[in-house]
Amino acid sequence: MGTLVARPVVRSFSIRHSRECAAWVKQGGHAVLWEKPGRGMLVLPVPDESDPADLSLFSILDLGKRRWKVPAEGPLRGLATCLVPKDCNWIVQRRIDRDSQHESPTREIEIDCLECGACCEDNEVLIFDVDEKRFAEAGRLDLLKPPYTRRTDGKLVLTLLKNKKCRHLASDNKCGIYTFRADACRDFPVASECCLYARELERNLYDGVRPEA
């Protein structure tokens, strides 16, 4: 059985349609508001910082950003806004194109992680103190050393096999360290933008319009 998730649908709006943009987001969707050509702003429900799997949060993180603003006045008041980096315009445009066939601000999607496993390939899983403690409690301090981990820019990350798969991923897509897996894995949200992109890239699975369409 898969996990059924109501995911936000992404729409594009020009600045003169700010009110329509706000209405879309208030119904659960995500939006890109173009202030001018090439300068877009994500408009989202305010992320729940107590929920590491919040879909608004991961929409922002997917662009390499961690902060957002909440206007106190104007059409977008009470919503989260985040400027899209210019080198990420293609990412938000891809989201818009993918979702152009979906009519409602949200849509239900069912994903079976054991049938997929895309997020366990060609990734970078950072190991934090809480993960090290969990590995120690499981009697697996060896996971903090090669060949299981490596240092990259001073950060400890899980290593991948030559085929780019996580070395803990079994042939049946089950995780070999599931009960004490890293927070980055346990908090990775189903149907987030990161999840959807991994499914496209690794599994050729598209929840909407394909890029070549």
N, C-alpha and C. Protein backbone atom coordinates (compact mmCIF):
# COMPACT_ATOMS: atom_id res chain seq x y z
N MET A 1 0.83 -1.20 0.00
CA MET A 1 0.00 0.00 0.00
C MET A 1 0.87 1.25 0.00
N GLY A 2 0.49 2.21 -0.82
CA GLY A 2 1.23 3.45 -0.88
C GLY A 2 0.70 4.47 0.11
N THR A 3 1.37 5.61 0.13
CA THR A 3 0.95 6.72 0.97
C THR A 3 0.17 7.72 0.12
N LEU A 4 -1.01 8.07 0.58
CA LEU A 4 -1.86 9.02 -0.14
C LEU A 4 -1.61 10.42 0.43
N VAL A 5 -1.20 11.33 -0.43
CA VAL A 5 -0.85 12.68 -0.01
C VAL A 5 -1.59 13.70 -0.87
N ALA A 6 -2.11 14.73 -0.24
CA ALA A 6 -2.68 15.86 -0.99
C ALA A 6 -1.55 16.86 -1.19
N ARG A 7 -1.04 16.91 -2.40
CA ARG A 7 0.10 17.80 -2.66
C ARG A 7 -0.36 19.10 -3.30
N PRO A 8 0.39 20.18 -3.09
CA PRO A 8 0.04 21.45 -3.72
C PRO A 8 0.32 21.43 -5.22
N VAL A 9 -0.53 22.08 -5.98
CA VAL A 9 -0.34 22.26 -7.41
C VAL A 9 0.23 23.66 -7.65
N VAL A 10 1.22 23.74 -8.51
CA VAL A 10 1.94 25.00 -8.73
C VAL A 10 1.37 25.75 -9.93
N ARG A 11 1.09 27.04 -9.72
CA ARG A 11 0.57 27.91 -10.78
C ARG A 11 1.45 29.14 -10.94
N SER A 12 1.41 29.71 -12.13
CA SER A 12 2.15 30.93 -12.45
C SER A 12 1.19 32.11 -12.53
N PHE A 13 1.58 33.25 -11.92
CA PHE A 13 0.77 34.46 -11.96
C PHE A 13 1.66 35.67 -12.22
N SER A 14 1.13 36.64 -12.93
CA SER A 14 1.84 37.90 -13.10
C SER A 14 1.53 38.78 -11.90
N ILE A 15 2.32 39.82 -11.68
CA ILE A 15 2.18 40.66 -10.51
C ILE A 15 0.81 41.33 -10.46
N ARG A 16 0.21 41.59 -11.61
CA ARG A 16 -1.11 42.25 -11.61
C ARG A 16 -2.23 41.29 -11.21
N HIS A 17 -1.89 40.02 -11.08
CA HIS A 17 -2.87 39.03 -10.63
C HIS A 17 -2.51 38.52 -9.23
N SER A 18 -2.00 39.42 -8.41
CA SER A 18 -1.57 39.04 -7.06
C SER A 18 -2.72 38.50 -6.22
N ARG A 19 -3.91 39.07 -6.37
CA ARG A 19 -5.05 38.60 -5.58
C ARG A 19 -5.45 37.18 -5.96
N GLU A 20 -5.44 36.91 -7.27
CA GLU A 20 -5.75 35.55 -7.72
C GLU A 20 -4.69 34.57 -7.22
N CYS A 21 -3.44 35.03 -7.20
CA CYS A 21 -2.33 34.22 -6.69
C CYS A 21 -2.57 33.88 -5.22
N ALA A 22 -2.92 34.88 -4.44
CA ALA A 22 -3.17 34.67 -3.01
C ALA A 22 -4.33 33.71 -2.79
N ALA A 23 -5.38 33.85 -3.59
CA ALA A 23 -6.54 32.97 -3.45
C ALA A 23 -6.16 31.52 -3.73
N TRP A 24 -5.31 31.30 -4.74
CA TRP A 24 -4.85 29.96 -5.09
C TRP A 24 -4.08 29.34 -3.92
N VAL A 25 -3.19 30.11 -3.33
CA VAL A 25 -2.37 29.60 -2.23
C VAL A 25 -3.20 29.35 -0.98
N LYS A 26 -4.17 30.20 -0.72
CA LYS A 26 -5.03 30.02 0.45
C LYS A 26 -5.88 28.76 0.34
N GLN A 27 -6.03 28.25 -0.88
CA GLN A 27 -6.75 26.99 -1.08
C GLN A 27 -5.82 25.78 -1.04
N GLY A 28 -4.55 26.03 -0.74
CA GLY A 28 -3.61 24.93 -0.58
C GLY A 28 -2.57 24.79 -1.68
N GLY A 29 -2.68 25.60 -2.74
CA GLY A 29 -1.72 25.50 -3.83
C GLY A 29 -0.43 26.25 -3.54
N HIS A 30 0.54 26.10 -4.44
CA HIS A 30 1.77 26.89 -4.43
C HIS A 30 1.76 27.75 -5.69
N ALA A 31 2.46 28.86 -5.65
CA ALA A 31 2.45 29.76 -6.79
C ALA A 31 3.81 30.38 -7.02
N VAL A 32 4.03 30.78 -8.27
CA VAL A 32 5.18 31.61 -8.62
C VAL A 32 4.61 32.92 -9.15
N LEU A 33 4.91 34.00 -8.47
CA LEU A 33 4.43 35.33 -8.84
C LEU A 33 5.57 36.07 -9.52
N TRP A 34 5.37 36.40 -10.81
CA TRP A 34 6.43 37.04 -11.59
C TRP A 34 6.31 38.56 -11.46
N GLU A 35 7.27 39.14 -10.75
CA GLU A 35 7.29 40.60 -10.58
C GLU A 35 7.66 41.28 -11.89
N LYS A 36 8.50 40.61 -12.67
CA LYS A 36 8.87 41.02 -14.01
C LYS A 36 9.52 39.82 -14.67
N PRO A 37 9.71 39.82 -15.98
CA PRO A 37 10.32 38.66 -16.63
C PRO A 37 11.66 38.29 -15.99
N GLY A 38 11.78 37.03 -15.61
CA GLY A 38 13.03 36.56 -15.01
C GLY A 38 13.14 36.76 -13.52
N ARG A 39 12.18 37.43 -12.91
CA ARG A 39 12.22 37.66 -11.46
C ARG A 39 10.93 37.12 -10.84
N GLY A 40 11.03 35.92 -10.28
CA GLY A 40 9.86 35.26 -9.71
C GLY A 40 9.95 35.14 -8.21
N MET A 41 8.82 34.99 -7.59
CA MET A 41 8.73 34.86 -6.14
C MET A 41 7.80 33.70 -5.81
N LEU A 42 8.30 32.78 -5.00
CA LEU A 42 7.44 31.70 -4.50
C LEU A 42 6.43 32.29 -3.52
N VAL A 43 5.19 31.88 -3.66
CA VAL A 43 4.15 32.25 -2.70
C VAL A 43 3.53 30.94 -2.19
N LEU A 44 3.56 30.77 -0.87
CA LEU A 44 3.22 29.48 -0.27
C LEU A 44 2.47 29.67 1.04
N PRO A 45 1.75 28.64 1.48
CA PRO A 45 1.29 28.67 2.86
C PRO A 45 2.52 28.76 3.77
N VAL A 46 2.42 29.46 4.87
CA VAL A 46 3.58 29.61 5.76
C VAL A 46 4.05 28.24 6.25
N PRO A 47 5.33 27.92 6.06
CA PRO A 47 5.83 26.61 6.51
C PRO A 47 5.66 26.42 8.01
N ASP A 48 5.36 25.20 8.39
CA ASP A 48 5.27 24.82 9.79
C ASP A 48 6.66 24.35 10.21
N GLU A 49 7.39 25.20 10.91
CA GLU A 49 8.78 24.88 11.26
C GLU A 49 8.89 23.74 12.26
N SER A 50 7.78 23.38 12.89
CA SER A 50 7.80 22.25 13.82
C SER A 50 7.65 20.92 13.08
N ASP A 51 7.34 21.01 11.78
CA ASP A 51 7.14 19.82 10.96
C ASP A 51 8.26 19.75 9.91
N PRO A 52 9.28 18.89 10.13
CA PRO A 52 10.40 18.83 9.18
C PRO A 52 10.01 18.30 7.80
N ALA A 53 8.78 17.76 7.68
CA ALA A 53 8.32 17.23 6.40
C ALA A 53 7.32 18.17 5.73
N ASP A 54 7.24 19.41 6.18
CA ASP A 54 6.29 20.38 5.62
C ASP A 54 6.58 20.61 4.14
N LEU A 55 5.55 20.54 3.29
CA LEU A 55 5.75 20.64 1.84
C LEU A 55 6.13 22.05 1.40
N SER A 56 5.64 23.07 2.09
CA SER A 56 6.05 24.44 1.78
C SER A 56 7.54 24.61 2.08
N LEU A 57 7.96 24.09 3.22
CA LEU A 57 9.37 24.19 3.60
C LEU A 57 10.26 23.54 2.56
N PHE A 58 9.89 22.35 2.10
CA PHE A 58 10.73 21.65 1.14
C PHE A 58 10.69 22.29 -0.24
N SER A 59 9.62 23.00 -0.56
CA SER A 59 9.58 23.74 -1.81
C SER A 59 10.65 24.83 -1.81
N ILE A 60 10.86 25.43 -0.64
CA ILE A 60 11.89 26.47 -0.48
C ILE A 60 13.28 25.84 -0.43
N LEU A 61 13.44 24.79 0.36
CA LEU A 61 14.73 24.12 0.48
C LEU A 61 15.23 23.60 -0.86
N ASP A 62 14.31 23.18 -1.72
CA ASP A 62 14.67 22.64 -3.03
C ASP A 62 15.35 23.68 -3.91
N LEU A 63 15.18 24.97 -3.55
CA LEU A 63 15.82 26.05 -4.30
C LEU A 63 17.10 26.51 -3.61
N GLY A 64 17.51 25.77 -2.59
CA GLY A 64 18.73 26.12 -1.87
C GLY A 64 18.56 27.28 -0.91
N LYS A 65 17.32 27.56 -0.53
CA LYS A 65 17.06 28.66 0.39
C LYS A 65 16.44 28.13 1.69
N ARG A 66 16.56 28.93 2.74
CA ARG A 66 16.06 28.50 4.04
C ARG A 66 15.20 29.56 4.72
N ARG A 67 15.06 30.72 4.11
CA ARG A 67 14.32 31.79 4.73
C ARG A 67 13.19 32.27 3.84
N TRP A 68 12.20 32.88 4.45
CA TRP A 68 11.07 33.43 3.73
C TRP A 68 10.52 34.62 4.50
N LYS A 69 9.69 35.39 3.85
CA LYS A 69 9.06 36.54 4.49
C LYS A 69 7.55 36.33 4.50
N VAL A 70 6.88 36.97 5.46
CA VAL A 70 5.42 36.92 5.54
C VAL A 70 4.92 38.37 5.55
N PRO A 71 4.43 38.87 4.41
CA PRO A 71 3.95 40.25 4.36
C PRO A 71 2.83 40.51 5.37
N ALA A 72 2.87 41.68 5.99
CA ALA A 72 1.85 42.04 6.98
C ALA A 72 0.70 42.80 6.35
N GLU A 73 0.85 43.17 5.10
CA GLU A 73 -0.21 43.90 4.40
C GLU A 73 -0.16 43.60 2.91
N GLY A 74 -1.19 44.03 2.20
CA GLY A 74 -1.25 43.77 0.76
C GLY A 74 -1.91 42.45 0.44
N PRO A 75 -2.05 42.14 -0.84
CA PRO A 75 -2.75 40.91 -1.27
C PRO A 75 -2.13 39.62 -0.72
N LEU A 76 -0.83 39.65 -0.46
CA LEU A 76 -0.13 38.43 -0.03
C LEU A 76 0.05 38.35 1.48
N ARG A 77 -0.63 39.21 2.21
CA ARG A 77 -0.44 39.23 3.67
C ARG A 77 -0.81 37.87 4.27
N GLY A 78 0.04 37.45 5.21
CA GLY A 78 -0.19 36.19 5.88
C GLY A 78 0.31 34.96 5.15
N LEU A 79 0.88 35.16 3.96
CA LEU A 79 1.44 34.05 3.19
C LEU A 79 2.96 34.15 3.17
N ALA A 80 3.62 33.04 2.91
CA ALA A 80 5.08 33.04 2.84
C ALA A 80 5.53 33.41 1.43
N THR A 81 6.54 34.27 1.34
CA THR A 81 7.10 34.65 0.04
C THR A 81 8.60 34.43 0.07
N CYS A 82 9.14 34.02 -1.04
CA CYS A 82 10.57 33.72 -1.13
C CYS A 82 11.03 33.99 -2.56
N LEU A 83 12.00 34.88 -2.71
CA LEU A 83 12.51 35.21 -4.04
C LEU A 83 13.20 34.00 -4.67
N VAL A 84 12.88 33.72 -5.91
CA VAL A 84 13.48 32.59 -6.62
C VAL A 84 14.85 33.01 -7.16
N PRO A 85 15.92 32.32 -6.80
CA PRO A 85 17.23 32.64 -7.38
C PRO A 85 17.17 32.51 -8.90
N LYS A 86 17.85 33.40 -9.60
CA LYS A 86 17.77 33.40 -11.06
C LYS A 86 18.18 32.05 -11.65
N ASP A 87 19.16 31.41 -11.03
CA ASP A 87 19.60 30.12 -11.58
C ASP A 87 18.64 28.98 -11.24
N CYS A 88 17.55 29.30 -10.54
CA CYS A 88 16.52 28.30 -10.23
C CYS A 88 15.22 28.57 -10.97
N ASN A 89 15.23 29.58 -11.86
CA ASN A 89 14.00 29.87 -12.61
C ASN A 89 13.53 28.66 -13.41
N TRP A 90 14.47 27.89 -13.92
CA TRP A 90 14.09 26.72 -14.71
C TRP A 90 13.40 25.66 -13.83
N ILE A 91 13.77 25.63 -12.55
CA ILE A 91 13.15 24.66 -11.63
C ILE A 91 11.69 25.00 -11.40
N VAL A 92 11.41 26.27 -11.09
CA VAL A 92 10.01 26.64 -10.83
C VAL A 92 9.19 26.61 -12.11
N GLN A 93 9.82 26.91 -13.26
CA GLN A 93 9.10 26.82 -14.52
C GLN A 93 8.73 25.38 -14.83
N ARG A 94 9.63 24.46 -14.48
CA ARG A 94 9.33 23.04 -14.68
C ARG A 94 8.14 22.62 -13.80
N ARG A 95 8.09 23.11 -12.57
CA ARG A 95 6.96 22.80 -11.69
C ARG A 95 5.65 23.32 -12.32
N ILE A 96 5.70 24.52 -12.83
CA ILE A 96 4.52 25.14 -13.45
C ILE A 96 4.06 24.32 -14.64
N ASP A 97 5.01 23.97 -15.51
CA ASP A 97 4.66 23.19 -16.71
C ASP A 97 4.10 21.83 -16.33
N ARG A 98 4.73 21.18 -15.37
CA ARG A 98 4.28 19.85 -14.92
C ARG A 98 2.83 19.90 -14.46
N ASP A 99 2.49 20.92 -13.70
CA ASP A 99 1.17 20.98 -13.07
C ASP A 99 0.11 21.67 -13.93
N SER A 100 0.47 22.07 -15.14
CA SER A 100 -0.47 22.82 -15.97
C SER A 100 -1.74 22.02 -16.31
N GLN A 101 -1.67 20.71 -16.23
CA GLN A 101 -2.84 19.89 -16.56
C GLN A 101 -3.76 19.66 -15.36
N HIS A 102 -3.32 20.06 -14.18
CA HIS A 102 -4.12 19.86 -12.97
C HIS A 102 -4.93 21.12 -12.68
N GLU A 103 -6.22 20.97 -12.47
CA GLU A 103 -7.11 22.11 -12.38
C GLU A 103 -7.27 22.70 -10.98
N SER A 104 -7.10 21.88 -9.95
CA SER A 104 -7.37 22.33 -8.58
C SER A 104 -6.07 22.70 -7.86
N PRO A 105 -6.16 23.51 -6.79
CA PRO A 105 -4.96 23.92 -6.04
C PRO A 105 -4.21 22.77 -5.37
N THR A 106 -4.93 21.68 -5.10
CA THR A 106 -4.27 20.49 -4.55
C THR A 106 -4.74 19.26 -5.32
N ARG A 107 -3.95 18.21 -5.25
CA ARG A 107 -4.36 16.95 -5.87
C ARG A 107 -3.81 15.81 -5.03
N GLU A 108 -4.56 14.73 -5.00
CA GLU A 108 -4.12 13.55 -4.26
C GLU A 108 -3.23 12.69 -5.14
N ILE A 109 -2.14 12.25 -4.55
CA ILE A 109 -1.21 11.38 -5.25
C ILE A 109 -0.82 10.25 -4.31
N GLU A 110 -0.76 9.05 -4.84
CA GLU A 110 -0.38 7.89 -4.03
C GLU A 110 1.01 7.43 -4.45
N ILE A 111 1.89 7.34 -3.49
CA ILE A 111 3.27 6.92 -3.76
C ILE A 111 3.63 5.76 -2.84
N ASP A 112 4.10 4.69 -3.43
CA ASP A 112 4.57 3.52 -2.67
C ASP A 112 6.10 3.59 -2.64
N CYS A 113 6.65 3.93 -1.49
CA CYS A 113 8.09 4.12 -1.38
C CYS A 113 8.88 2.85 -1.71
N LEU A 114 8.32 1.69 -1.37
CA LEU A 114 9.01 0.44 -1.64
C LEU A 114 8.99 0.09 -3.13
N GLU A 115 8.03 0.65 -3.87
CA GLU A 115 8.00 0.45 -5.30
C GLU A 115 8.90 1.46 -6.01
N CYS A 116 9.25 2.51 -5.30
CA CYS A 116 9.99 3.62 -5.92
C CYS A 116 11.47 3.60 -5.52
N GLY A 117 11.78 4.13 -4.37
CA GLY A 117 13.18 4.16 -3.91
C GLY A 117 14.03 5.19 -4.62
N ALA A 118 13.42 6.10 -5.37
CA ALA A 118 14.20 7.09 -6.15
C ALA A 118 15.03 8.00 -5.26
N CYS A 119 14.51 8.33 -4.08
CA CYS A 119 15.22 9.26 -3.21
C CYS A 119 16.46 8.62 -2.59
N CYS A 120 16.62 7.31 -2.74
CA CYS A 120 17.77 6.60 -2.19
C CYS A 120 18.90 6.48 -3.21
N GLU A 121 18.78 7.19 -4.32
CA GLU A 121 19.80 7.14 -5.36
C GLU A 121 20.33 8.53 -5.67
N ASP A 122 21.63 8.60 -5.94
CA ASP A 122 22.29 9.85 -6.34
C ASP A 122 21.91 11.00 -5.41
N ASN A 123 22.00 10.75 -4.12
CA ASN A 123 21.62 11.76 -3.13
C ASN A 123 22.82 12.16 -2.28
N GLU A 124 22.58 13.04 -1.32
CA GLU A 124 23.60 13.41 -0.34
C GLU A 124 22.91 13.50 1.02
N VAL A 125 23.13 12.49 1.84
CA VAL A 125 22.50 12.42 3.16
C VAL A 125 23.52 12.86 4.21
N LEU A 126 23.26 14.01 4.81
CA LEU A 126 24.14 14.53 5.85
C LEU A 126 23.87 13.82 7.18
N ILE A 127 24.92 13.59 7.93
CA ILE A 127 24.82 12.94 9.23
C ILE A 127 25.07 13.98 10.32
N PHE A 128 24.09 14.11 11.23
CA PHE A 128 24.19 15.08 12.31
C PHE A 128 24.38 14.37 13.64
N ASP A 129 24.54 15.17 14.70
CA ASP A 129 24.79 14.60 16.03
C ASP A 129 23.70 13.64 16.46
N VAL A 130 22.46 14.00 16.17
CA VAL A 130 21.34 13.13 16.56
C VAL A 130 21.41 11.78 15.85
N ASP A 131 21.94 11.79 14.62
CA ASP A 131 22.09 10.53 13.89
C ASP A 131 23.23 9.70 14.47
N GLU A 132 24.32 10.37 14.83
CA GLU A 132 25.44 9.66 15.43
C GLU A 132 25.02 8.99 16.73
N LYS A 133 24.19 9.68 17.51
CA LYS A 133 23.69 9.10 18.76
C LYS A 133 22.82 7.88 18.47
N ARG A 134 21.99 7.99 17.45
CA ARG A 134 21.10 6.89 17.09
C ARG A 134 21.91 5.68 16.62
N PHE A 135 22.97 5.92 15.81
CA PHE A 135 23.83 4.83 15.35
C PHE A 135 24.50 4.16 16.54
N ALA A 136 24.94 4.97 17.51
CA ALA A 136 25.62 4.42 18.69
C ALA A 136 24.67 3.55 19.50
N GLU A 137 23.44 4.02 19.69
CA GLU A 137 22.45 3.26 20.45
C GLU A 137 22.11 1.94 19.76
N ALA A 138 22.26 1.91 18.43
CA ALA A 138 21.98 0.68 17.67
C ALA A 138 23.20 -0.23 17.60
N GLY A 139 24.31 0.22 18.20
CA GLY A 139 25.53 -0.57 18.16
C GLY A 139 26.21 -0.55 16.81
N ARG A 140 26.00 0.54 16.05
CA ARG A 140 26.56 0.64 14.70
C ARG A 140 27.42 1.89 14.52
N LEU A 141 28.36 2.09 15.43
CA LEU A 141 29.28 3.21 15.29
C LEU A 141 30.16 3.07 14.05
N ASP A 142 30.23 1.85 13.51
CA ASP A 142 31.00 1.64 12.29
C ASP A 142 30.43 2.44 11.12
N LEU A 143 29.16 2.82 11.22
CA LEU A 143 28.53 3.59 10.14
C LEU A 143 29.09 5.00 10.03
N LEU A 144 29.84 5.42 11.04
CA LEU A 144 30.43 6.76 11.02
C LEU A 144 31.81 6.78 10.40
N LYS A 145 32.22 5.63 9.85
CA LYS A 145 33.55 5.51 9.26
C LYS A 145 33.43 4.96 7.84
N PRO A 146 34.50 5.12 7.02
CA PRO A 146 34.50 4.49 5.70
C PRO A 146 34.32 2.99 5.85
N PRO A 147 33.68 2.31 4.93
CA PRO A 147 33.17 2.84 3.64
C PRO A 147 31.75 3.43 3.71
N TYR A 148 31.22 3.52 4.92
CA TYR A 148 29.81 3.94 5.04
C TYR A 148 29.62 5.46 4.98
N THR A 149 30.62 6.20 5.42
CA THR A 149 30.53 7.66 5.38
C THR A 149 31.83 8.26 4.87
N ARG A 150 31.76 9.53 4.49
CA ARG A 150 32.94 10.28 4.05
C ARG A 150 32.77 11.74 4.47
N ARG A 151 33.86 12.46 4.47
CA ARG A 151 33.82 13.88 4.79
C ARG A 151 33.80 14.70 3.51
N THR A 152 32.86 15.64 3.44
CA THR A 152 32.76 16.54 2.31
C THR A 152 32.59 17.96 2.84
N ASP A 153 33.57 18.81 2.59
CA ASP A 153 33.53 20.19 3.09
C ASP A 153 33.27 20.24 4.59
N GLY A 154 33.88 19.32 5.31
CA GLY A 154 33.75 19.28 6.75
C GLY A 154 32.49 18.61 7.25
N LYS A 155 31.63 18.16 6.33
CA LYS A 155 30.38 17.51 6.72
C LYS A 155 30.48 16.01 6.51
N LEU A 156 29.82 15.27 7.39
CA LEU A 156 29.80 13.82 7.29
C LEU A 156 28.58 13.40 6.48
N VAL A 157 28.79 12.63 5.42
CA VAL A 157 27.69 12.20 4.56
C VAL A 157 27.78 10.70 4.32
N LEU A 158 26.62 10.08 4.07
CA LEU A 158 26.59 8.68 3.70
C LEU A 158 27.16 8.50 2.31
N THR A 159 27.88 7.42 2.11
CA THR A 159 28.47 7.16 0.80
C THR A 159 27.49 6.39 -0.09
N LEU A 160 27.73 6.49 -1.38
CA LEU A 160 26.94 5.77 -2.37
C LEU A 160 27.80 4.70 -3.03
N LEU A 161 27.15 3.71 -3.61
CA LEU A 161 27.86 2.71 -4.40
C LEU A 161 28.22 3.30 -5.76
N LYS A 162 28.98 2.57 -6.56
CA LYS A 162 29.37 3.06 -7.88
C LYS A 162 28.18 3.33 -8.78
N ASN A 163 27.09 2.61 -8.54
CA ASN A 163 25.89 2.81 -9.36
C ASN A 163 25.02 3.96 -8.84
N LYS A 164 25.56 4.72 -7.88
CA LYS A 164 24.91 5.91 -7.31
C LYS A 164 23.78 5.57 -6.32
N LYS A 165 23.61 4.29 -6.00
CA LYS A 165 22.59 3.92 -5.02
C LYS A 165 23.17 3.95 -3.61
N CYS A 166 22.32 4.24 -2.63
CA CYS A 166 22.75 4.17 -1.24
C CYS A 166 23.19 2.74 -0.95
N ARG A 167 24.29 2.59 -0.25
CA ARG A 167 24.80 1.24 0.02
C ARG A 167 23.92 0.47 0.99
N HIS A 168 22.95 1.15 1.61
CA HIS A 168 22.04 0.47 2.54
C HIS A 168 20.73 0.07 1.86
N LEU A 169 20.59 0.38 0.58
CA LEU A 169 19.37 0.05 -0.15
C LEU A 169 19.44 -1.37 -0.68
N ALA A 170 18.50 -2.21 -0.25
CA ALA A 170 18.47 -3.61 -0.68
C ALA A 170 17.78 -3.75 -2.03
N SER A 171 17.88 -4.94 -2.61
CA SER A 171 17.30 -5.18 -3.93
C SER A 171 15.78 -5.05 -3.93
N ASP A 172 15.15 -5.21 -2.77
CA ASP A 172 13.70 -5.06 -2.68
C ASP A 172 13.29 -3.64 -2.28
N ASN A 173 14.26 -2.72 -2.36
CA ASN A 173 14.05 -1.30 -2.03
C ASN A 173 13.83 -1.06 -0.54
N LYS A 174 14.10 -2.03 0.29
CA LYS A 174 14.03 -1.82 1.73
C LYS A 174 15.37 -1.29 2.23
N CYS A 175 15.30 -0.52 3.31
CA CYS A 175 16.50 0.10 3.88
C CYS A 175 17.12 -0.84 4.91
N GLY A 176 18.41 -1.08 4.79
CA GLY A 176 19.09 -1.98 5.70
C GLY A 176 19.28 -1.42 7.09
N ILE A 177 19.11 -0.10 7.25
CA ILE A 177 19.26 0.51 8.58
C ILE A 177 17.99 1.31 8.92
N TYR A 178 16.86 0.83 8.45
CA TYR A 178 15.62 1.60 8.53
C TYR A 178 15.27 2.05 9.94
N THR A 179 15.39 1.18 10.93
CA THR A 179 14.94 1.52 12.29
C THR A 179 15.79 2.61 12.93
N PHE A 180 17.01 2.80 12.45
CA PHE A 180 17.86 3.86 13.02
C PHE A 180 18.46 4.73 11.90
N ARG A 181 17.70 4.87 10.81
CA ARG A 181 18.13 5.69 9.68
C ARG A 181 18.31 7.15 10.09
N ALA A 182 19.03 7.89 9.27
CA ALA A 182 19.33 9.29 9.55
C ALA A 182 18.07 10.16 9.47
N ASP A 183 18.09 11.27 10.18
CA ASP A 183 16.95 12.19 10.15
C ASP A 183 16.63 12.67 8.73
N ALA A 184 17.67 12.88 7.92
CA ALA A 184 17.44 13.35 6.55
C ALA A 184 16.57 12.37 5.78
N CYS A 185 16.68 11.10 6.10
CA CYS A 185 15.88 10.07 5.42
C CYS A 185 14.50 9.95 6.05
N ARG A 186 14.44 9.93 7.37
CA ARG A 186 13.15 9.72 8.05
C ARG A 186 12.24 10.93 7.88
N ASP A 187 12.81 12.12 7.67
CA ASP A 187 12.00 13.33 7.53
C ASP A 187 11.72 13.70 6.08
N PHE A 188 12.29 12.97 5.13
CA PHE A 188 12.11 13.29 3.72
C PHE A 188 10.64 13.10 3.34
N PRO A 189 9.94 14.17 2.94
CA PRO A 189 8.49 14.06 2.75
C PRO A 189 8.06 13.49 1.41
N VAL A 190 7.14 12.55 1.47
CA VAL A 190 6.53 12.00 0.27
C VAL A 190 5.78 13.11 -0.46
N ALA A 191 5.93 13.16 -1.77
CA ALA A 191 5.25 14.11 -2.66
C ALA A 191 5.78 15.53 -2.54
N SER A 192 6.92 15.73 -1.86
CA SER A 192 7.57 17.04 -1.86
C SER A 192 8.17 17.28 -3.25
N GLU A 193 8.56 18.51 -3.51
CA GLU A 193 9.19 18.80 -4.81
C GLU A 193 10.45 17.98 -5.00
N CYS A 194 11.20 17.77 -3.92
CA CYS A 194 12.41 16.94 -4.01
C CYS A 194 12.06 15.51 -4.39
N CYS A 195 10.99 15.00 -3.79
CA CYS A 195 10.52 13.64 -4.08
C CYS A 195 10.07 13.53 -5.53
N LEU A 196 9.25 14.46 -5.97
CA LEU A 196 8.72 14.40 -7.33
C LEU A 196 9.84 14.48 -8.37
N TYR A 197 10.84 15.32 -8.10
CA TYR A 197 11.95 15.45 -9.05
C TYR A 197 12.79 14.18 -9.09
N ALA A 198 13.02 13.58 -7.92
CA ALA A 198 13.78 12.33 -7.88
C ALA A 198 13.06 11.24 -8.66
N ARG A 199 11.74 11.19 -8.56
CA ARG A 199 10.95 10.20 -9.30
C ARG A 199 11.05 10.43 -10.81
N GLU A 200 11.07 11.69 -11.21
CA GLU A 200 11.23 12.00 -12.62
C GLU A 200 12.61 11.57 -13.12
N LEU A 201 13.62 11.97 -12.34
CA LEU A 201 15.01 11.76 -12.77
C LEU A 201 15.42 10.29 -12.75
N GLU A 202 15.05 9.60 -11.68
CA GLU A 202 15.52 8.22 -11.50
C GLU A 202 14.56 7.16 -12.01
N ARG A 203 13.24 7.48 -12.07
CA ARG A 203 12.25 6.46 -12.41
C ARG A 203 11.41 6.81 -13.63
N ASN A 204 11.63 7.98 -14.19
CA ASN A 204 10.83 8.41 -15.35
C ASN A 204 9.34 8.42 -15.03
N LEU A 205 9.02 8.80 -13.79
CA LEU A 205 7.64 8.87 -13.33
C LEU A 205 7.24 10.34 -13.18
N TYR A 206 6.19 10.74 -13.86
CA TYR A 206 5.78 12.14 -13.89
C TYR A 206 4.35 12.30 -13.39
N ASP A 207 4.16 13.18 -12.42
CA ASP A 207 2.81 13.46 -11.94
C ASP A 207 2.28 14.71 -12.65
N GLY A 208 2.20 14.61 -13.96
CA GLY A 208 1.75 15.76 -14.76
C GLY A 208 2.37 15.72 -16.14
N VAL A 209 2.55 16.89 -16.72
CA VAL A 209 3.06 17.02 -18.08
C VAL A 209 4.56 16.72 -18.11
N ARG A 210 4.97 15.88 -19.05
CA ARG A 210 6.38 15.58 -19.22
C ARG A 210 7.10 16.75 -19.89
N PRO A 211 8.39 16.93 -19.62
CA PRO A 211 9.13 18.06 -20.21
C PRO A 211 9.07 18.09 -21.73
N GLU A 212 9.06 16.90 -22.36
CA GLU A 212 9.10 16.86 -23.81
C GLU A 212 7.73 17.05 -24.44
N ALA A 213 6.68 17.07 -23.62
CA ALA A 213 5.31 17.18 -24.15
C ALA A 213 5.04 18.60 -24.66
